[in-house]
Amino acid sequence: MSGLPNRKLRNAGIAGALGLGAALALAPEALPQERRSGFEFMSRESQVLQQDDTSNPGMLWVAEGEALWSARTGASGRTCADCHGDAAVSMKGVAARYPVYFAEQSRPIDLQGRINICREVNQNATPLPYESRELLALAAFIGKQSRGMPITAGDDQRLEPFRALGQELYERRQGQLNFSCANCHDDHWGRKLASSVIPQSHPTGYPLYRLEWQSVGSLQRRFRNCMVGVRAEPYPFGSPEYVNLELFLMTRARGMPLETPAIRP
């Protein structure tokens, strides 16, 4: 009897892999000229929800981020606005170019990492935990200032080795189901996995409000969901692996408009 749960788990894994393989069969390849935002794969109702700021629940986080932008914090008692002024001016285009190379750490950092560096260095404040409401709110508020602007990430040559690492991770098969990100999002986009349409993995709307989560979440949260889904060991939030993967995806999405805060199923 002690081995029965393990046998059930193994059988479930085999059945899941076979079912996933069947669902992904005979699908088109993602061509560069066919790049499509996840917005295009949503229902009309969800598209309308994203486009209407009075209905988009992600705007609640944006409003909180705006309040935090002007809130005094840390030992310095300084606000974000004390250094950066009007976010509508100073933050325009900023989110569209992240992750960026951060010379002090000799590696790329994402927008959430940059926010926490500012808190530590300029405000003498404790870094905000990844996926905390406050950090997501600030990232969503900053991201909204670039909404509609083309993504420009990856134009610094110092980022190239890290972009390549992100691409390797994207194409690496892993987990008990032995799937890579590319198996789903490149090879089988537009097909359905269970009841959900598989998008092309362009990170045009993060942080975004996911109906499944009933909250705003980061791209790293989505990475973790996918890794757990293929039964792989996820990386910690803020890990270099996630930042490299984000860099690869943002570089691949160059020229596509930012949608923050987007809605997704």
Protein backbone atom coordinates (compact mmCIF):
# COMPACT_ATOMS: atom_id res chain seq x y z
CA MET A 1 0.00 0.00 0.00
CA SER A 2 2.86 2.40 0.70
CA GLY A 3 3.84 2.43 -2.99
CA LEU A 4 0.33 3.14 -4.30
CA PRO A 5 0.48 6.98 -4.09
CA ASN A 6 3.82 6.99 -5.91
CA ARG A 7 2.46 4.70 -8.64
CA LYS A 8 -0.57 6.96 -8.99
CA LEU A 9 1.69 10.00 -9.28
CA ARG A 10 3.84 8.33 -11.92
CA ASN A 11 0.77 7.23 -13.88
CA ALA A 12 -0.68 10.73 -13.66
CA GLY A 13 2.60 12.14 -14.95
CA ILE A 14 2.62 9.74 -17.91
CA ALA A 15 -1.01 10.47 -18.70
CA GLY A 16 -0.37 14.21 -18.42
CA ALA A 17 2.60 14.03 -20.76
CA LEU A 18 0.65 11.97 -23.32
CA GLY A 19 -2.34 14.29 -23.09
CA LEU A 20 -0.16 17.37 -23.45
CA GLY A 21 1.64 15.84 -26.40
CA ALA A 22 -1.66 15.04 -28.13
CA ALA A 23 -3.01 18.53 -27.49
CA LEU A 24 0.12 20.11 -29.00
CA ALA A 25 0.29 18.00 -32.14
CA LEU A 26 0.10 19.38 -35.69
CA ALA A 27 0.36 23.07 -34.85
CA PRO A 28 1.97 25.97 -36.78
CA GLU A 29 5.39 27.32 -35.97
CA ALA A 30 5.75 30.87 -34.66
CA LEU A 31 7.38 32.97 -37.35
CA PRO A 32 8.93 36.37 -36.50
CA GLN A 33 6.62 38.20 -38.89
CA GLU A 34 3.65 36.61 -37.14
CA ARG A 35 4.38 37.97 -33.67
CA ARG A 36 1.13 38.29 -31.77
CA SER A 37 0.46 39.59 -28.29
CA GLY A 38 -1.43 37.43 -25.84
CA PHE A 39 -4.12 40.09 -26.08
CA GLU A 40 -5.09 38.71 -29.49
CA PHE A 41 -5.80 35.25 -28.09
CA MET A 42 -8.26 36.46 -25.45
CA SER A 43 -12.03 36.64 -25.61
CA ARG A 44 -13.60 39.90 -26.71
CA GLU A 45 -14.87 40.41 -23.16
CA SER A 46 -11.36 40.18 -21.72
CA GLN A 47 -9.99 42.51 -24.39
CA VAL A 48 -12.59 45.13 -23.51
CA LEU A 49 -11.72 44.70 -19.82
CA GLN A 50 -8.06 45.47 -20.55
CA GLN A 51 -8.81 48.47 -22.75
CA ASP A 52 -11.14 50.20 -20.28
CA ASP A 53 -9.15 51.73 -17.43
CA THR A 54 -12.30 52.12 -15.36
CA SER A 55 -12.88 48.34 -15.51
CA ASN A 56 -9.32 46.99 -15.68
CA PRO A 57 -8.61 45.64 -12.16
CA GLY A 58 -4.88 46.12 -12.73
CA MET A 59 -5.47 49.85 -12.43
CA LEU A 60 -6.06 49.37 -8.69
CA TRP A 61 -2.39 48.39 -8.39
CA VAL A 62 -1.41 51.33 -10.60
CA ALA A 63 -3.27 53.69 -8.27
CA GLU A 64 -1.48 52.19 -5.26
CA GLY A 65 1.83 52.55 -7.05
CA GLU A 66 1.10 56.21 -7.72
CA ALA A 67 0.49 56.75 -4.00
CA LEU A 68 3.72 54.91 -3.12
CA TRP A 69 5.62 57.04 -5.65
CA SER A 70 4.89 60.11 -3.53
CA ALA A 71 5.13 58.44 -0.10
CA ARG A 72 8.10 59.18 2.15
CA THR A 73 9.87 56.02 3.18
CA GLY A 74 13.08 54.71 4.70
CA ALA A 75 15.59 56.44 6.94
CA SER A 76 16.08 59.19 4.37
CA GLY A 77 12.40 60.12 4.35
CA ARG A 78 12.63 60.66 0.60
CA THR A 79 10.04 59.84 -2.01
CA CYS A 80 10.52 58.46 -5.51
CA ALA A 81 9.26 61.81 -6.79
CA ASP A 82 12.00 63.68 -4.92
CA CYS A 83 14.54 62.24 -7.36
CA HIS A 84 12.45 61.46 -10.43
CA GLY A 85 9.74 64.13 -10.37
CA ASP A 86 6.64 63.54 -12.47
CA ALA A 87 6.57 59.86 -13.41
CA ALA A 88 4.58 60.61 -16.55
CA VAL A 89 7.68 62.39 -17.83
CA SER A 90 10.68 60.75 -16.13
CA MET A 91 9.42 57.14 -16.40
CA LYS A 92 8.14 57.33 -19.96
CA GLY A 93 9.84 54.56 -21.92
CA VAL A 94 11.68 53.16 -18.88
CA ALA A 95 9.80 49.87 -18.49
CA ALA A 96 10.11 49.25 -22.23
CA ARG A 97 13.89 48.91 -22.01
CA TYR A 98 14.20 46.57 -19.01
CA PRO A 99 16.03 44.33 -18.10
CA VAL A 100 19.13 46.55 -18.34
CA TYR A 101 22.80 45.94 -17.61
CA PHE A 102 23.67 47.04 -14.08
CA ALA A 103 27.41 47.70 -13.92
CA GLU A 104 27.64 47.55 -10.11
CA GLN A 105 26.56 43.90 -10.21
CA SER A 106 28.03 43.05 -13.65
CA ARG A 107 24.73 41.51 -14.76
CA PRO A 108 21.25 42.51 -15.90
CA ILE A 109 18.51 43.54 -13.50
CA ASP A 110 14.79 43.76 -14.09
CA LEU A 111 12.52 46.66 -13.18
CA GLN A 112 11.61 45.21 -9.79
CA GLY A 113 15.30 44.84 -9.00
CA ARG A 114 15.92 48.46 -9.97
CA ILE A 115 13.10 49.64 -7.70
CA ASN A 116 14.62 47.80 -4.76
CA ILE A 117 18.10 49.17 -5.49
CA CYS A 118 16.66 52.68 -5.42
CA ARG A 119 14.96 51.92 -2.10
CA GLU A 120 18.19 50.66 -0.54
CA VAL A 121 20.59 53.25 -1.93
CA ASN A 122 18.51 56.41 -2.15
CA GLN A 123 15.87 55.93 0.52
CA ASN A 124 17.72 53.76 3.03
CA ALA A 125 14.67 51.51 3.03
CA THR A 126 14.27 47.74 3.19
CA PRO A 127 13.85 46.09 -0.22
CA LEU A 128 10.31 44.99 -0.96
CA PRO A 129 9.74 41.22 -1.28
CA TYR A 130 9.17 39.90 -4.79
CA GLU A 131 5.46 39.49 -5.55
CA SER A 132 4.55 41.79 -2.67
CA ARG A 133 1.63 44.06 -3.43
CA GLU A 134 3.77 47.16 -2.93
CA LEU A 135 6.51 46.10 -5.36
CA LEU A 136 3.99 45.00 -7.98
CA ALA A 137 2.10 48.28 -7.54
CA LEU A 138 5.22 50.39 -8.11
CA ALA A 139 6.22 48.28 -11.11
CA ALA A 140 2.72 48.52 -12.58
CA PHE A 141 2.63 52.30 -12.06
CA ILE A 142 6.03 52.76 -13.71
CA GLY A 143 5.09 50.33 -16.47
CA LYS A 144 1.91 52.20 -17.28
CA GLN A 145 3.95 55.31 -18.13
CA SER A 146 5.29 53.38 -21.16
CA ARG A 147 1.99 51.88 -22.25
CA GLY A 148 1.70 51.90 -26.04
CA MET A 149 5.42 52.49 -26.53
CA PRO A 150 7.57 49.94 -28.40
CA ILE A 151 9.73 47.57 -26.38
CA THR A 152 13.41 48.51 -26.77
CA ALA A 153 15.14 46.03 -24.44
CA GLY A 154 18.43 44.37 -25.29
CA ASP A 155 20.32 47.03 -27.27
CA ASP A 156 23.32 47.02 -24.88
CA GLN A 157 26.00 44.63 -26.15
CA ARG A 158 26.98 43.79 -22.56
CA LEU A 159 23.63 42.00 -22.28
CA GLU A 160 24.32 39.53 -25.08
CA PRO A 161 25.87 36.71 -22.96
CA PHE A 162 22.91 36.91 -20.57
CA ARG A 163 20.38 36.99 -23.40
CA ALA A 164 22.01 33.82 -24.75
CA LEU A 165 21.67 32.17 -21.33
CA GLY A 166 18.00 33.14 -21.30
CA GLN A 167 17.52 31.65 -24.74
CA GLU A 168 19.21 28.42 -23.64
CA LEU A 169 16.85 28.18 -20.67
CA TYR A 170 13.86 28.89 -22.91
CA GLU A 171 14.81 26.05 -25.25
CA ARG A 172 15.92 23.56 -22.56
CA ARG A 173 13.69 20.58 -21.90
CA GLN A 174 13.11 20.11 -18.19
CA GLY A 175 10.88 18.62 -15.55
CA GLN A 176 9.16 15.26 -15.38
CA LEU A 177 7.18 16.11 -18.53
CA ASN A 178 10.42 16.96 -20.40
CA PHE A 179 9.04 20.11 -22.07
CA SER A 180 10.74 23.39 -22.85
CA CYS A 181 9.15 26.84 -23.06
CA ALA A 182 9.70 26.71 -26.84
CA ASN A 183 7.80 23.41 -27.19
CA CYS A 184 4.59 25.16 -26.22
CA HIS A 185 5.02 28.81 -27.08
CA ASP A 186 6.98 28.56 -30.36
CA ASP A 187 5.95 25.23 -31.81
CA HIS A 188 2.31 25.11 -30.79
CA TRP A 189 1.02 28.63 -30.24
CA GLY A 190 -2.63 29.13 -31.12
CA ARG A 191 -3.52 25.59 -30.11
CA LYS A 192 -5.46 24.85 -26.94
CA LEU A 193 -4.04 23.20 -23.85
CA ALA A 194 -7.14 22.10 -21.92
CA SER A 195 -9.40 25.14 -22.36
CA SER A 196 -6.65 27.76 -22.69
CA VAL A 197 -5.11 29.03 -25.92
CA ILE A 198 -1.31 28.82 -25.95
CA PRO A 199 0.15 32.32 -26.59
CA GLN A 200 3.54 33.16 -28.11
CA SER A 201 5.18 34.14 -24.78
CA HIS A 202 5.70 37.83 -25.60
CA PRO A 203 5.93 39.65 -22.23
CA THR A 204 4.15 42.80 -23.37
CA GLY A 205 1.87 43.40 -20.39
CA TYR A 206 3.65 42.68 -17.11
CA PRO A 207 2.92 43.22 -14.32
CA LEU A 208 -0.56 42.12 -15.38
CA TYR A 209 -3.86 41.05 -13.88
CA ARG A 210 -4.44 37.36 -14.45
CA LEU A 211 -8.01 36.17 -14.11
CA GLU A 212 -6.76 32.80 -12.85
CA TRP A 213 -4.85 34.54 -10.05
CA GLN A 214 -7.50 37.17 -9.30
CA SER A 215 -4.58 39.53 -8.73
CA VAL A 216 -1.66 41.25 -10.39
CA GLY A 217 1.50 39.21 -10.79
CA SER A 218 4.95 39.51 -12.32
CA LEU A 219 6.47 37.70 -15.27
CA GLN A 220 8.56 35.72 -12.80
CA ARG A 221 5.39 34.39 -11.22
CA ARG A 222 4.31 33.20 -14.66
CA PHE A 223 7.69 31.52 -15.17
CA ARG A 224 7.25 29.67 -11.89
CA ASN A 225 3.74 28.56 -12.86
CA CYS A 226 5.03 27.09 -16.11
CA MET A 227 7.94 25.33 -14.43
CA VAL A 228 5.66 23.79 -11.84
CA GLY A 229 3.31 22.82 -14.67
CA VAL A 230 6.00 20.70 -16.34
CA ARG A 231 7.06 19.43 -12.89
CA ALA A 232 10.41 21.16 -12.86
CA GLU A 233 12.07 22.77 -9.85
CA PRO A 234 11.37 26.53 -10.03
CA TYR A 235 14.04 29.13 -9.31
CA PRO A 236 13.69 31.61 -6.44
CA PHE A 237 12.09 34.95 -7.22
CA GLY A 238 14.73 37.45 -8.30
CA SER A 239 17.13 34.75 -9.51
CA PRO A 240 19.54 35.55 -12.36
CA GLU A 241 17.96 32.71 -14.36
CA TYR A 242 14.58 34.43 -14.39
CA VAL A 243 16.11 37.80 -15.27
CA ASN A 244 18.05 36.22 -18.15
CA LEU A 245 14.87 34.56 -19.41
CA GLU A 246 12.98 37.84 -19.19
CA LEU A 247 15.80 39.55 -21.09
CA PHE A 248 15.58 36.99 -23.90
CA LEU A 249 11.82 37.34 -24.19
CA MET A 250 11.84 41.13 -24.03
CA THR A 251 14.58 41.27 -26.67
CA ARG A 252 12.56 38.97 -28.88
CA ALA A 253 9.54 41.24 -28.43
CA ARG A 254 11.41 44.41 -29.48
CA GLY A 255 9.11 46.78 -31.33
CA MET A 256 5.90 45.34 -29.88
CA PRO A 257 3.87 47.84 -27.81
CA LEU A 258 3.84 47.63 -24.02
CA GLU A 259 0.38 46.98 -22.54
CA THR A 260 0.95 47.34 -18.78
CA PRO A 261 -1.24 46.62 -16.90
CA ALA A 262 -2.57 43.92 -19.23
CA ILE A 263 -5.30 41.36 -18.59
CA ARG A 264 -4.77 37.67 -19.24
CA PRO A 265 -6.95 34.58 -18.63
